[in-house]
């Protein structure tokens, strides 16, 4: 994988395309996971499994994406359940549904004459559905813009760290660490980081603190 101008002159775009899949917890802006690679089934399987392991203990989950259906396709494999006979009726007409408390929807971009929001698969009969105006991936879109500003590998400004998948993954992991633990987020209040909003710490950490902590490798990015 390559994201540099130098390699773009050598390889056709079809061989240079990459994909960054990432998820953010909306209330705290905590950047849960990010995975880079080719846009393959394995990429979506890995990122969805990682995020679901993190989110599944929650009683209520709103899973909203920006139009890529493969996220929900992989989630359906791990988060769908079969209703018992006494939990459904012939009028409902569904036996396999999302887990109770989970709703999944996508926002369709640039689709004139089509629905802007679409709920994917059927919710559990006891799951409340969000209003249409709350179904959006705006936080992820804003994070995409921030990634392009802060990570030169995504702007094609230099050749460093973007020639291989491992290098790009390392660059995005560093950005997650800074975003979650060090850099306060303006929407959370003065000097409040996403990790603080999640209750993981009570003040912003410094880069030196993170790098010198004995349990550095145990810190969730």
Foldseek 3Di string as FASTA:
>chain_A
DAQAPVVCVVDPVVVHDKDKDWDADPPLRQTQDIAMGHPDLVRLLVRLVSVCVVPVVDQADEAEEAPDCSNVVNVLVPFKDFADPVQDDVVVVDGIAGHARYWYKYAYPPDPPDDRIDTDGHHRPNYDDDDPVVRDDVSVVVVVVVCVVPPVRNVNPDRPQGPDSVSVNVSVVVVSCCQAAADCDVVVDPQHGSCVVVVNDPGHDDPVCLVPDPPNVVDRD
